[in-house]
N, C-alpha and C. Protein backbone atom coordinates (compact mmCIF):
# COMPACT_ATOMS: atom_id res chain seq x y z
N MET A 1 84.94 66.27 -8.66
CA MET A 1 84.20 65.09 -8.24
C MET A 1 82.78 65.17 -8.81
N THR A 2 82.37 64.07 -9.41
CA THR A 2 81.02 63.97 -9.96
C THR A 2 80.47 62.58 -9.67
N PHE A 3 79.20 62.50 -9.30
CA PHE A 3 78.55 61.20 -9.15
C PHE A 3 77.17 61.28 -9.76
N SER A 4 76.71 60.16 -10.30
CA SER A 4 75.46 60.19 -11.06
C SER A 4 74.79 58.83 -11.02
N ILE A 5 73.51 58.82 -11.40
CA ILE A 5 72.81 57.58 -11.67
C ILE A 5 71.94 57.81 -12.90
N VAL A 6 72.03 56.88 -13.86
CA VAL A 6 71.17 56.87 -15.03
C VAL A 6 70.30 55.63 -14.95
N GLY A 7 69.06 55.73 -15.43
CA GLY A 7 68.18 54.57 -15.31
C GLY A 7 66.93 54.67 -16.13
N ARG A 8 66.26 53.54 -16.24
CA ARG A 8 64.97 53.41 -16.90
C ARG A 8 63.96 52.91 -15.88
N CYS A 9 62.78 53.53 -15.85
CA CYS A 9 61.71 53.10 -14.95
C CYS A 9 60.95 51.94 -15.59
N GLU A 10 60.90 50.82 -14.89
CA GLU A 10 60.22 49.64 -15.42
C GLU A 10 58.73 49.87 -15.58
N GLN A 11 58.11 50.70 -14.73
CA GLN A 11 56.67 50.91 -14.78
C GLN A 11 56.25 51.84 -15.92
N THR A 12 57.01 52.91 -16.15
CA THR A 12 56.60 53.93 -17.12
C THR A 12 57.43 53.93 -18.40
N GLY A 13 58.60 53.31 -18.38
CA GLY A 13 59.51 53.38 -19.51
C GLY A 13 60.27 54.69 -19.60
N GLN A 14 60.08 55.58 -18.63
CA GLN A 14 60.78 56.86 -18.63
C GLN A 14 62.27 56.63 -18.41
N LEU A 15 63.08 57.49 -19.01
CA LEU A 15 64.53 57.45 -18.88
C LEU A 15 64.99 58.69 -18.16
N GLY A 16 65.96 58.55 -17.26
CA GLY A 16 66.36 59.73 -16.50
C GLY A 16 67.75 59.64 -15.92
N ILE A 17 68.19 60.79 -15.45
CA ILE A 17 69.51 60.91 -14.82
C ILE A 17 69.44 61.91 -13.70
N ALA A 18 70.08 61.57 -12.59
CA ALA A 18 70.33 62.50 -11.48
C ALA A 18 71.83 62.59 -11.31
N ILE A 19 72.36 63.81 -11.19
CA ILE A 19 73.81 64.00 -11.19
C ILE A 19 74.18 65.19 -10.32
N SER A 20 75.33 65.12 -9.67
CA SER A 20 75.83 66.24 -8.87
C SER A 20 77.35 66.28 -9.00
N SER A 21 77.90 67.50 -8.84
CA SER A 21 79.33 67.68 -9.07
C SER A 21 79.88 68.81 -8.24
N SER A 22 81.20 68.78 -8.02
CA SER A 22 81.87 69.91 -7.39
C SER A 22 82.10 71.05 -8.37
N SER A 23 81.90 70.80 -9.66
CA SER A 23 82.07 71.83 -10.69
C SER A 23 80.78 72.60 -10.90
N ILE A 24 80.89 73.75 -11.52
CA ILE A 24 79.73 74.58 -11.80
C ILE A 24 78.93 73.99 -12.96
N ALA A 25 77.60 74.13 -12.91
CA ALA A 25 76.69 73.86 -14.02
C ALA A 25 76.87 72.47 -14.61
N VAL A 26 76.85 71.45 -13.78
CA VAL A 26 77.00 70.09 -14.28
C VAL A 26 75.88 69.74 -15.26
N GLY A 27 74.70 70.32 -15.06
CA GLY A 27 73.57 70.02 -15.93
C GLY A 27 73.74 70.51 -17.35
N ALA A 28 74.70 71.42 -17.58
CA ALA A 28 74.92 71.94 -18.92
C ALA A 28 75.81 71.04 -19.77
N ARG A 29 76.54 70.11 -19.15
CA ARG A 29 77.55 69.35 -19.88
C ARG A 29 77.39 67.84 -19.81
N CYS A 30 76.86 67.33 -18.71
CA CYS A 30 76.99 65.90 -18.44
C CYS A 30 75.75 65.05 -18.71
N PRO A 31 74.52 65.51 -18.45
CA PRO A 31 73.36 64.63 -18.63
C PRO A 31 72.74 64.75 -20.02
N TRP A 32 72.48 63.60 -20.64
CA TRP A 32 71.88 63.56 -21.97
C TRP A 32 70.81 62.48 -21.98
N VAL A 33 69.61 62.83 -22.42
CA VAL A 33 68.52 61.87 -22.46
C VAL A 33 67.68 62.13 -23.70
N ARG A 34 67.22 61.05 -24.31
CA ARG A 34 66.38 61.16 -25.51
C ARG A 34 65.24 60.17 -25.39
N ALA A 35 64.02 60.67 -25.49
CA ALA A 35 62.83 59.84 -25.32
C ALA A 35 62.84 58.66 -26.29
N GLY A 36 62.56 57.48 -25.76
CA GLY A 36 62.48 56.29 -26.58
C GLY A 36 63.81 55.76 -27.06
N VAL A 37 64.92 56.38 -26.63
CA VAL A 37 66.24 55.99 -27.12
C VAL A 37 67.16 55.58 -25.97
N GLY A 38 67.49 56.52 -25.09
CA GLY A 38 68.39 56.19 -24.00
C GLY A 38 68.78 57.40 -23.19
N VAL A 39 69.67 57.16 -22.23
CA VAL A 39 70.16 58.20 -21.33
C VAL A 39 71.65 57.96 -21.12
N VAL A 40 72.41 59.06 -21.08
CA VAL A 40 73.86 58.99 -20.98
C VAL A 40 74.35 60.00 -19.95
N ALA A 41 75.31 59.59 -19.13
CA ALA A 41 76.08 60.52 -18.31
C ALA A 41 77.51 60.51 -18.83
N THR A 42 78.03 61.67 -19.22
CA THR A 42 79.42 61.78 -19.62
C THR A 42 80.11 62.71 -18.64
N GLN A 43 81.04 62.19 -17.85
CA GLN A 43 81.58 62.93 -16.72
C GLN A 43 83.08 62.69 -16.56
N ASN A 44 83.64 63.08 -15.44
CA ASN A 44 85.06 63.10 -15.13
C ASN A 44 85.70 64.26 -15.89
N VAL A 45 86.62 64.01 -16.84
CA VAL A 45 87.07 65.09 -17.71
C VAL A 45 86.08 65.08 -18.88
N THR A 46 85.06 65.91 -18.76
CA THR A 46 83.85 65.74 -19.55
C THR A 46 84.02 66.15 -21.00
N LEU A 47 83.55 65.29 -21.90
CA LEU A 47 83.38 65.62 -23.30
C LEU A 47 81.89 65.59 -23.60
N PRO A 48 81.21 66.75 -23.61
CA PRO A 48 79.77 66.74 -23.82
C PRO A 48 79.33 66.07 -25.11
N ALA A 49 80.15 66.12 -26.14
CA ALA A 49 79.77 65.55 -27.43
C ALA A 49 79.48 64.05 -27.35
N LEU A 50 80.06 63.36 -26.37
CA LEU A 50 79.82 61.92 -26.26
C LEU A 50 78.34 61.61 -26.02
N GLY A 51 77.63 62.49 -25.32
CA GLY A 51 76.22 62.23 -25.05
C GLY A 51 75.40 62.09 -26.32
N PRO A 52 75.31 63.13 -27.14
CA PRO A 52 74.53 62.98 -28.37
C PRO A 52 75.10 61.96 -29.35
N GLN A 53 76.42 61.77 -29.36
CA GLN A 53 76.99 60.76 -30.24
C GLN A 53 76.49 59.37 -29.88
N ILE A 54 76.52 59.05 -28.60
CA ILE A 54 76.07 57.73 -28.15
C ILE A 54 74.58 57.56 -28.41
N LEU A 55 73.79 58.59 -28.14
CA LEU A 55 72.35 58.51 -28.40
C LEU A 55 72.07 58.33 -29.89
N ASP A 56 72.84 58.98 -30.75
CA ASP A 56 72.69 58.78 -32.19
C ASP A 56 73.01 57.35 -32.58
N HIS A 57 74.07 56.78 -32.00
CA HIS A 57 74.42 55.39 -32.31
C HIS A 57 73.33 54.43 -31.85
N LEU A 58 72.72 54.72 -30.70
CA LEU A 58 71.61 53.89 -30.24
C LEU A 58 70.41 53.99 -31.17
N GLU A 59 70.10 55.22 -31.59
CA GLU A 59 68.88 55.45 -32.36
C GLU A 59 69.04 55.09 -33.83
N HIS A 60 70.09 55.55 -34.46
CA HIS A 60 70.20 55.43 -35.91
C HIS A 60 70.99 54.20 -36.34
N ALA A 61 72.05 53.87 -35.64
CA ALA A 61 72.81 52.66 -35.96
C ALA A 61 72.22 51.43 -35.28
N ARG A 62 71.28 51.66 -34.37
CA ARG A 62 70.61 50.57 -33.63
C ARG A 62 71.60 49.65 -32.92
N LEU A 63 72.64 50.25 -32.36
CA LEU A 63 73.59 49.49 -31.57
C LEU A 63 73.06 49.32 -30.16
N ASP A 64 73.56 48.30 -29.45
CA ASP A 64 73.24 48.18 -28.04
C ASP A 64 74.13 49.16 -27.27
N PRO A 65 73.86 49.38 -25.98
CA PRO A 65 74.65 50.37 -25.24
C PRO A 65 76.15 50.13 -25.29
N ALA A 66 76.59 48.88 -25.17
CA ALA A 66 78.03 48.61 -25.22
C ALA A 66 78.62 48.98 -26.57
N GLY A 67 77.91 48.65 -27.64
CA GLY A 67 78.40 48.98 -28.97
C GLY A 67 78.41 50.46 -29.24
N ALA A 68 77.35 51.15 -28.80
CA ALA A 68 77.27 52.60 -29.00
C ALA A 68 78.36 53.31 -28.21
N LEU A 69 78.60 52.87 -26.98
CA LEU A 69 79.63 53.46 -26.15
C LEU A 69 81.01 53.25 -26.77
N GLU A 70 81.29 52.05 -27.22
CA GLU A 70 82.60 51.76 -27.80
C GLU A 70 82.82 52.52 -29.10
N ARG A 71 81.80 52.64 -29.92
CA ARG A 71 81.97 53.37 -31.17
C ARG A 71 82.29 54.84 -30.90
N ALA A 72 81.60 55.44 -29.94
CA ALA A 72 81.86 56.84 -29.62
C ALA A 72 83.25 57.02 -29.04
N LEU A 73 83.63 56.14 -28.12
CA LEU A 73 84.94 56.27 -27.48
C LEU A 73 86.09 55.98 -28.44
N SER A 74 85.87 55.07 -29.38
CA SER A 74 86.95 54.69 -30.29
C SER A 74 87.35 55.85 -31.19
N ALA A 75 86.47 56.83 -31.35
CA ALA A 75 86.78 57.98 -32.19
C ALA A 75 87.41 59.12 -31.39
N ASN A 76 87.66 58.89 -30.10
CA ASN A 76 88.18 59.94 -29.23
C ASN A 76 89.55 59.54 -28.68
N GLU A 77 90.57 60.32 -29.00
CA GLU A 77 91.92 59.96 -28.58
C GLU A 77 92.13 60.09 -27.08
N TRP A 78 91.25 60.79 -26.37
CA TRP A 78 91.40 61.01 -24.93
C TRP A 78 90.43 60.14 -24.13
N ARG A 79 90.09 58.98 -24.65
CA ARG A 79 89.09 58.14 -24.02
C ARG A 79 89.45 57.76 -22.59
N GLU A 80 90.72 57.62 -22.28
CA GLU A 80 91.11 57.18 -20.94
C GLU A 80 90.83 58.23 -19.87
N TYR A 81 90.47 59.43 -20.27
CA TYR A 81 90.10 60.49 -19.33
C TYR A 81 88.59 60.54 -19.08
N ARG A 82 87.84 59.72 -19.76
CA ARG A 82 86.38 59.81 -19.72
C ARG A 82 85.77 58.78 -18.76
N GLN A 83 84.63 59.16 -18.20
CA GLN A 83 83.77 58.23 -17.47
C GLN A 83 82.37 58.40 -18.02
N VAL A 84 81.80 57.33 -18.55
CA VAL A 84 80.54 57.41 -19.28
C VAL A 84 79.65 56.23 -18.88
N THR A 85 78.36 56.50 -18.70
CA THR A 85 77.39 55.45 -18.41
C THR A 85 76.22 55.59 -19.37
N VAL A 86 75.60 54.45 -19.70
CA VAL A 86 74.53 54.41 -20.70
C VAL A 86 73.45 53.43 -20.27
N VAL A 87 72.20 53.82 -20.46
CA VAL A 87 71.05 52.91 -20.38
C VAL A 87 70.19 53.18 -21.60
N ASP A 88 69.75 52.14 -22.30
CA ASP A 88 68.90 52.37 -23.46
C ASP A 88 67.44 52.16 -23.13
N ALA A 89 66.57 52.32 -24.13
CA ALA A 89 65.13 52.27 -23.90
C ALA A 89 64.64 50.88 -23.53
N GLN A 90 65.47 49.86 -23.71
CA GLN A 90 65.12 48.51 -23.28
C GLN A 90 65.65 48.19 -21.89
N GLY A 91 66.38 49.13 -21.30
CA GLY A 91 66.94 48.91 -19.98
C GLY A 91 68.31 48.27 -19.98
N ARG A 92 68.91 48.08 -21.16
CA ARG A 92 70.25 47.51 -21.23
C ARG A 92 71.28 48.57 -20.82
N THR A 93 72.39 48.14 -20.25
CA THR A 93 73.34 49.07 -19.65
C THR A 93 74.75 48.87 -20.19
N ALA A 94 75.56 49.94 -20.04
CA ALA A 94 76.99 49.87 -20.33
C ALA A 94 77.66 51.01 -19.59
N PHE A 95 78.95 50.84 -19.29
CA PHE A 95 79.69 51.93 -18.65
C PHE A 95 81.17 51.79 -18.94
N PHE A 96 81.88 52.91 -18.78
CA PHE A 96 83.32 52.94 -19.01
C PHE A 96 83.94 53.95 -18.07
N SER A 97 85.04 53.57 -17.44
CA SER A 97 85.86 54.48 -16.64
C SER A 97 87.30 54.34 -17.11
N GLY A 98 87.85 55.39 -17.71
CA GLY A 98 89.20 55.34 -18.23
C GLY A 98 90.26 55.34 -17.13
N ARG A 99 91.45 54.91 -17.49
CA ARG A 99 92.54 54.79 -16.52
C ARG A 99 92.97 56.14 -15.95
N GLU A 100 92.67 57.23 -16.66
CA GLU A 100 93.06 58.56 -16.20
C GLU A 100 91.93 59.28 -15.47
N ALA A 101 90.84 58.57 -15.15
CA ALA A 101 89.76 59.18 -14.38
C ALA A 101 90.30 59.65 -13.03
N LEU A 102 89.70 60.69 -12.51
CA LEU A 102 90.22 61.35 -11.33
C LEU A 102 90.02 60.53 -10.05
N GLY A 103 91.08 60.47 -9.25
CA GLY A 103 90.98 59.90 -7.91
C GLY A 103 90.50 58.46 -7.92
N THR A 104 89.74 58.12 -6.87
CA THR A 104 89.09 56.82 -6.79
C THR A 104 87.80 56.89 -7.59
N TYR A 105 87.65 56.02 -8.56
CA TYR A 105 86.47 56.06 -9.42
C TYR A 105 85.88 54.67 -9.52
N HIS A 106 84.62 54.62 -9.82
CA HIS A 106 83.97 53.32 -9.95
C HIS A 106 82.61 53.51 -10.61
N ALA A 107 82.09 52.44 -11.16
CA ALA A 107 80.73 52.39 -11.69
C ALA A 107 80.16 51.02 -11.39
N VAL A 108 78.87 50.95 -11.17
CA VAL A 108 78.21 49.67 -10.90
C VAL A 108 76.86 49.68 -11.60
N ALA A 109 76.55 48.59 -12.29
CA ALA A 109 75.29 48.45 -13.01
C ALA A 109 74.33 47.59 -12.20
N GLY A 110 73.08 48.01 -12.19
CA GLY A 110 72.01 47.21 -11.62
C GLY A 110 70.99 46.92 -12.70
N LYS A 111 69.82 46.51 -12.32
CA LYS A 111 68.77 46.23 -13.29
C LYS A 111 68.27 47.54 -13.87
N GLN A 112 68.57 47.81 -15.12
CA GLN A 112 68.13 48.99 -15.84
C GLN A 112 68.67 50.29 -15.25
N CYS A 113 69.85 50.25 -14.66
CA CYS A 113 70.43 51.47 -14.11
C CYS A 113 71.94 51.31 -13.96
N VAL A 114 72.63 52.44 -13.95
CA VAL A 114 74.07 52.47 -13.68
C VAL A 114 74.37 53.67 -12.79
N ALA A 115 75.15 53.45 -11.74
CA ALA A 115 75.64 54.53 -10.88
C ALA A 115 77.14 54.63 -11.06
N ALA A 116 77.67 55.86 -11.07
CA ALA A 116 79.10 56.05 -11.29
C ALA A 116 79.57 57.30 -10.55
N GLY A 117 80.86 57.30 -10.21
CA GLY A 117 81.44 58.47 -9.57
C GLY A 117 82.94 58.48 -9.69
N ASN A 118 83.53 59.64 -9.48
CA ASN A 118 84.98 59.78 -9.45
C ASN A 118 85.36 60.65 -8.26
N MET A 119 86.62 60.55 -7.82
CA MET A 119 87.11 61.20 -6.61
C MET A 119 86.25 60.81 -5.41
N LEU A 120 85.94 59.53 -5.33
CA LEU A 120 85.12 59.00 -4.25
C LEU A 120 85.97 58.69 -3.02
N ASP A 121 85.31 58.52 -1.89
CA ASP A 121 86.01 58.22 -0.64
C ASP A 121 86.36 56.74 -0.54
N GLY A 122 85.64 55.92 -1.26
CA GLY A 122 85.89 54.49 -1.20
C GLY A 122 85.33 53.81 -2.42
N ARG A 123 85.74 52.57 -2.65
CA ARG A 123 85.33 51.82 -3.83
C ARG A 123 84.50 50.62 -3.40
N PRO A 124 83.26 50.48 -3.93
CA PRO A 124 82.46 49.31 -3.56
C PRO A 124 83.07 48.03 -4.11
N ARG A 125 82.79 46.93 -3.44
CA ARG A 125 83.29 45.64 -3.91
C ARG A 125 82.62 45.26 -5.22
N ASP A 126 83.30 44.47 -6.03
CA ASP A 126 82.82 44.11 -7.36
C ASP A 126 82.05 42.80 -7.39
N ARG A 127 81.90 42.13 -6.25
CA ARG A 127 81.22 40.84 -6.24
C ARG A 127 79.79 41.00 -6.73
N SER A 128 79.41 40.20 -7.74
CA SER A 128 78.08 40.31 -8.32
C SER A 128 76.99 39.86 -7.35
N ASP A 129 77.36 39.06 -6.34
CA ASP A 129 76.37 38.59 -5.38
C ASP A 129 76.35 39.45 -4.12
N ASP A 130 76.95 40.62 -4.17
CA ASP A 130 77.03 41.48 -2.99
C ASP A 130 75.67 42.15 -2.76
N SER A 131 74.96 41.72 -1.73
CA SER A 131 73.63 42.26 -1.46
C SER A 131 73.70 43.73 -1.10
N GLY A 132 74.82 44.18 -0.52
CA GLY A 132 74.95 45.59 -0.19
C GLY A 132 74.96 46.46 -1.43
N VAL A 133 75.72 46.04 -2.46
CA VAL A 133 75.73 46.78 -3.71
C VAL A 133 74.34 46.77 -4.33
N ARG A 134 73.70 45.61 -4.35
CA ARG A 134 72.37 45.53 -4.96
C ARG A 134 71.39 46.42 -4.21
N ALA A 135 71.50 46.48 -2.91
CA ALA A 135 70.59 47.32 -2.13
C ALA A 135 70.81 48.79 -2.44
N ARG A 136 72.09 49.21 -2.59
CA ARG A 136 72.35 50.61 -2.94
C ARG A 136 71.81 50.95 -4.31
N VAL A 137 71.93 50.02 -5.25
CA VAL A 137 71.39 50.26 -6.59
C VAL A 137 69.88 50.38 -6.54
N ARG A 138 69.22 49.50 -5.77
CA ARG A 138 67.77 49.57 -5.66
C ARG A 138 67.34 50.91 -5.07
N ARG A 139 68.06 51.38 -4.03
CA ARG A 139 67.72 52.68 -3.44
C ARG A 139 67.91 53.79 -4.45
N ALA A 140 68.99 53.71 -5.22
CA ALA A 140 69.26 54.74 -6.21
C ALA A 140 68.18 54.77 -7.28
N ARG A 141 67.71 53.59 -7.70
CA ARG A 141 66.65 53.54 -8.71
C ARG A 141 65.37 54.16 -8.17
N ARG A 142 65.03 53.86 -6.91
CA ARG A 142 63.84 54.46 -6.32
C ARG A 142 64.00 55.97 -6.22
N SER A 143 65.20 56.42 -5.87
CA SER A 143 65.46 57.85 -5.78
C SER A 143 65.26 58.53 -7.11
N LEU A 144 65.76 57.93 -8.17
CA LEU A 144 65.60 58.52 -9.49
C LEU A 144 64.14 58.57 -9.89
N ALA A 145 63.39 57.50 -9.62
CA ALA A 145 61.98 57.47 -9.98
C ALA A 145 61.20 58.56 -9.25
N ARG A 146 61.61 58.87 -8.02
CA ARG A 146 60.92 59.91 -7.25
C ARG A 146 61.50 61.29 -7.49
N GLY A 147 62.64 61.34 -8.15
CA GLY A 147 63.29 62.63 -8.32
C GLY A 147 64.04 63.08 -7.09
N ASP A 148 64.29 62.18 -6.14
CA ASP A 148 64.94 62.54 -4.88
C ASP A 148 66.41 62.14 -4.94
N ALA A 149 67.24 63.03 -5.45
CA ALA A 149 68.65 62.70 -5.67
C ALA A 149 69.43 62.54 -4.37
N ARG A 150 68.88 63.01 -3.25
CA ARG A 150 69.64 62.97 -2.00
C ARG A 150 69.96 61.56 -1.56
N ARG A 151 69.13 60.58 -1.94
CA ARG A 151 69.32 59.22 -1.45
C ARG A 151 70.57 58.57 -2.03
N ASP A 152 71.10 59.12 -3.14
CA ASP A 152 72.30 58.53 -3.73
C ASP A 152 73.50 59.44 -3.53
N ARG A 153 73.52 60.14 -2.42
CA ARG A 153 74.55 61.14 -2.20
C ARG A 153 75.93 60.52 -2.08
N GLY A 154 76.08 59.44 -1.30
CA GLY A 154 77.36 58.75 -1.21
C GLY A 154 78.39 59.51 -0.40
N ARG A 155 79.52 58.87 -0.19
CA ARG A 155 80.63 59.50 0.52
C ARG A 155 81.62 60.05 -0.48
N ARG A 156 82.30 61.15 -0.14
CA ARG A 156 83.22 61.78 -1.06
C ARG A 156 84.33 62.47 -0.29
N ARG A 157 85.46 62.62 -0.92
CA ARG A 157 86.60 63.17 -0.22
C ARG A 157 87.07 64.49 -0.81
N SER A 158 86.46 64.96 -1.90
CA SER A 158 86.98 66.11 -2.63
C SER A 158 86.33 67.42 -2.22
N GLY A 159 85.62 67.44 -1.11
CA GLY A 159 84.99 68.67 -0.69
C GLY A 159 83.54 68.71 -1.12
N PRO A 160 82.87 69.83 -0.90
CA PRO A 160 81.43 69.91 -1.17
C PRO A 160 81.14 69.93 -2.66
N VAL A 161 79.93 69.44 -2.99
CA VAL A 161 79.44 69.59 -4.35
C VAL A 161 78.78 70.96 -4.49
N HIS A 162 78.73 71.46 -5.72
CA HIS A 162 78.21 72.81 -5.96
C HIS A 162 77.10 72.87 -6.98
N SER A 163 76.88 71.81 -7.74
CA SER A 163 75.81 71.85 -8.74
C SER A 163 75.14 70.49 -8.80
N ALA A 164 73.92 70.48 -9.31
CA ALA A 164 73.15 69.23 -9.41
C ALA A 164 72.11 69.40 -10.51
N ALA A 165 71.68 68.29 -11.06
CA ALA A 165 70.69 68.33 -12.13
C ALA A 165 69.87 67.05 -12.14
N LEU A 166 68.65 67.18 -12.62
CA LEU A 166 67.74 66.06 -12.80
C LEU A 166 67.08 66.21 -14.16
N LYS A 167 67.20 65.19 -15.01
CA LYS A 167 66.60 65.24 -16.34
C LYS A 167 65.91 63.91 -16.61
N ILE A 168 64.65 63.98 -17.05
CA ILE A 168 63.84 62.79 -17.32
C ILE A 168 63.11 62.97 -18.64
N ALA A 169 63.11 61.94 -19.47
CA ALA A 169 62.35 61.94 -20.72
C ALA A 169 61.19 60.97 -20.61
N GLY A 170 60.02 61.41 -21.05
CA GLY A 170 58.84 60.55 -21.06
C GLY A 170 58.51 60.13 -22.47
N GLU A 171 57.29 60.38 -22.89
CA GLU A 171 56.85 59.97 -24.23
C GLU A 171 57.11 61.04 -25.28
N GLN A 172 57.26 62.29 -24.86
CA GLN A 172 57.39 63.39 -25.82
C GLN A 172 58.85 63.60 -26.21
N SER A 173 59.07 64.37 -27.27
CA SER A 173 60.42 64.60 -27.76
C SER A 173 61.20 65.56 -26.87
N TRP A 174 60.51 66.34 -26.03
CA TRP A 174 61.18 67.25 -25.12
C TRP A 174 61.25 66.61 -23.73
N PRO A 175 62.17 67.06 -22.89
CA PRO A 175 62.28 66.46 -21.55
C PRO A 175 61.03 66.68 -20.71
N LEU A 176 60.62 65.65 -20.02
CA LEU A 176 59.53 65.77 -19.07
C LEU A 176 59.97 66.58 -17.87
N VAL A 177 61.22 66.40 -17.46
CA VAL A 177 61.82 67.12 -16.34
C VAL A 177 63.21 67.57 -16.76
N ASP A 178 63.52 68.84 -16.51
CA ASP A 178 64.87 69.36 -16.78
C ASP A 178 65.15 70.44 -15.74
N LEU A 179 65.62 70.02 -14.57
CA LEU A 179 65.83 70.92 -13.44
C LEU A 179 67.31 70.98 -13.12
N ARG A 180 67.79 72.19 -12.79
CA ARG A 180 69.22 72.37 -12.55
C ARG A 180 69.47 73.37 -11.44
N VAL A 181 70.47 73.08 -10.64
CA VAL A 181 71.08 74.05 -9.74
C VAL A 181 72.51 74.22 -10.25
N ASP A 182 72.79 75.36 -10.88
CA ASP A 182 74.09 75.54 -11.52
C ASP A 182 75.20 75.88 -10.54
N TRP A 183 74.86 76.52 -9.41
CA TRP A 183 75.88 76.80 -8.40
C TRP A 183 75.20 77.06 -7.06
N ALA A 184 75.71 76.41 -6.05
CA ALA A 184 75.29 76.66 -4.68
C ALA A 184 76.51 76.47 -3.78
N ASP A 185 76.71 77.39 -2.85
CA ASP A 185 77.83 77.25 -1.93
C ASP A 185 77.66 76.05 -1.03
N ASP A 186 76.39 75.66 -0.79
CA ASP A 186 76.14 74.57 0.15
C ASP A 186 74.95 73.75 -0.32
N ASP A 187 75.11 72.44 -0.42
CA ASP A 187 74.05 71.47 -0.61
C ASP A 187 73.14 71.75 -1.80
N PRO A 188 73.66 71.71 -3.02
CA PRO A 188 72.81 71.90 -4.19
C PRO A 188 71.78 70.79 -4.36
N ILE A 189 72.06 69.61 -3.78
CA ILE A 189 71.11 68.51 -3.92
C ILE A 189 69.81 68.84 -3.20
N SER A 190 69.89 69.45 -2.02
CA SER A 190 68.68 69.86 -1.32
C SER A 190 67.94 70.94 -2.09
N LYS A 191 68.67 71.83 -2.71
CA LYS A 191 68.04 72.88 -3.52
C LYS A 191 67.37 72.28 -4.75
N LEU A 192 68.01 71.28 -5.34
CA LEU A 192 67.39 70.58 -6.46
C LEU A 192 66.12 69.87 -6.00
N ASP A 193 66.16 69.26 -4.83
CA ASP A 193 64.98 68.61 -4.29
C ASP A 193 63.85 69.62 -4.08
N GLY A 194 64.18 70.84 -3.64
CA GLY A 194 63.16 71.87 -3.50
C GLY A 194 62.52 72.23 -4.82
N LEU A 195 63.33 72.32 -5.87
CA LEU A 195 62.78 72.57 -7.20
C LEU A 195 61.84 71.44 -7.62
N TRP A 196 62.27 70.20 -7.35
CA TRP A 196 61.43 69.07 -7.71
C TRP A 196 60.10 69.10 -6.97
N GLN A 197 60.14 69.40 -5.69
CA GLN A 197 58.91 69.44 -4.91
C GLN A 197 57.94 70.48 -5.46
N ALA A 198 58.46 71.60 -5.97
CA ALA A 198 57.60 72.62 -6.57
C ALA A 198 57.13 72.22 -7.97
N TYR A 199 57.97 71.53 -8.70
CA TYR A 199 57.66 71.22 -10.10
C TYR A 199 56.77 69.99 -10.27
N GLU A 200 57.01 68.99 -9.46
CA GLU A 200 56.33 67.70 -9.66
C GLU A 200 54.80 67.80 -9.71
N PRO A 201 54.13 68.60 -8.84
CA PRO A 201 52.67 68.67 -8.92
C PRO A 201 52.16 69.29 -10.22
N GLN A 202 53.00 70.08 -10.91
CA GLN A 202 52.58 70.74 -12.15
C GLN A 202 53.13 70.03 -13.40
N MET A 203 53.93 69.01 -13.21
CA MET A 203 54.67 68.40 -14.31
C MET A 203 53.75 67.97 -15.46
N GLN A 204 52.73 67.17 -15.15
CA GLN A 204 51.86 66.66 -16.19
C GLN A 204 51.02 67.77 -16.81
N ASP A 205 50.70 68.81 -16.03
CA ASP A 205 49.92 69.92 -16.56
C ASP A 205 50.64 70.61 -17.71
N TYR A 206 51.97 70.71 -17.62
CA TYR A 206 52.72 71.36 -18.70
C TYR A 206 52.72 70.52 -19.96
N VAL A 207 52.66 69.20 -19.82
CA VAL A 207 52.51 68.35 -20.99
C VAL A 207 51.14 68.57 -21.62
N THR A 208 50.11 68.62 -20.78
CA THR A 208 48.76 68.86 -21.27
C THR A 208 48.66 70.20 -21.99
N ARG A 209 49.25 71.23 -21.39
CA ARG A 209 49.21 72.56 -22.02
C ARG A 209 49.86 72.53 -23.40
N ALA A 210 50.94 71.76 -23.54
CA ALA A 210 51.63 71.69 -24.83
C ALA A 210 50.81 70.95 -25.87
N LEU A 211 50.17 69.85 -25.47
CA LEU A 211 49.47 69.00 -26.43
C LEU A 211 48.05 69.47 -26.71
N ASN A 212 47.39 70.02 -25.72
CA ASN A 212 46.00 70.48 -25.89
C ASN A 212 45.75 71.66 -24.97
N PRO A 213 46.04 72.88 -25.42
CA PRO A 213 45.90 74.05 -24.56
C PRO A 213 44.49 74.23 -24.01
N THR A 214 43.47 73.75 -24.70
CA THR A 214 42.10 73.94 -24.21
C THR A 214 41.81 73.08 -23.00
N ALA A 215 42.60 72.04 -22.79
CA ALA A 215 42.37 71.15 -21.65
C ALA A 215 43.26 71.47 -20.47
N ALA A 216 44.11 72.46 -20.63
CA ALA A 216 45.10 72.76 -19.59
C ALA A 216 44.48 73.58 -18.46
N PRO A 217 44.89 73.34 -17.23
CA PRO A 217 44.39 74.15 -16.11
C PRO A 217 44.97 75.55 -16.15
N SER A 218 44.28 76.48 -15.50
CA SER A 218 44.76 77.85 -15.41
C SER A 218 45.69 78.00 -14.22
N TYR A 219 46.72 78.82 -14.41
CA TYR A 219 47.65 79.10 -13.32
C TYR A 219 47.47 80.51 -12.79
N GLY A 220 46.51 81.24 -13.33
CA GLY A 220 46.22 82.57 -12.80
C GLY A 220 47.26 83.63 -13.12
N VAL A 221 48.08 83.42 -14.15
CA VAL A 221 49.06 84.43 -14.53
C VAL A 221 48.40 85.40 -15.51
N PRO A 222 48.94 86.61 -15.68
CA PRO A 222 48.34 87.57 -16.58
C PRO A 222 48.16 87.01 -17.99
N GLY A 223 46.96 87.13 -18.53
CA GLY A 223 46.65 86.60 -19.85
C GLY A 223 46.23 85.15 -19.86
N ASP A 224 46.28 84.51 -18.70
CA ASP A 224 45.92 83.10 -18.59
C ASP A 224 44.50 83.00 -18.07
N GLU A 225 43.59 82.57 -18.93
CA GLU A 225 42.17 82.51 -18.53
C GLU A 225 41.68 81.07 -18.46
């Protein structure tokens, strides 16, 4: 079981993904983000290669998310086992859930975001005017912007999750945030939230240190003056 949300922040233009899974080390295989290009979640029976392939199609072929997703999937004979979501740097969205996805699966797109899951306890209604779905998407977008993945936890029937990850790209070529809990017997989302709470106050300082070491604050570590 895996559930995720990918999105673009309207205020900052940052792209990000929050994801959790019953499998080990979800952050090593499923989340892909590229500054100024897009963000991809490739999950279910995961093919990690789909992430960079779709991002390449967005960046170099200049396809929209639907076109980039279709081009990547069309080259894969096992596409019906895949669940993939995409948001590009303009906030456009696309998603795919193959017929062989595990259990109850679904994806829903909101404004500049997509949430998806498999082996879920229930399936949300597909009505585009469903205020309940829109409200859940809005909460998920706020959660992603704050780095608080717990708000999009959802109901699930496949047992506890064991790993979680948060990845965000800002203006630089490297991730602004890349936090992972690769295995936890209980509640990796809370552990990920703890990492975020520790990292967020220092986040911008690490960008400053990279771009202009003379302007960076000291952390009091050996050799750091």
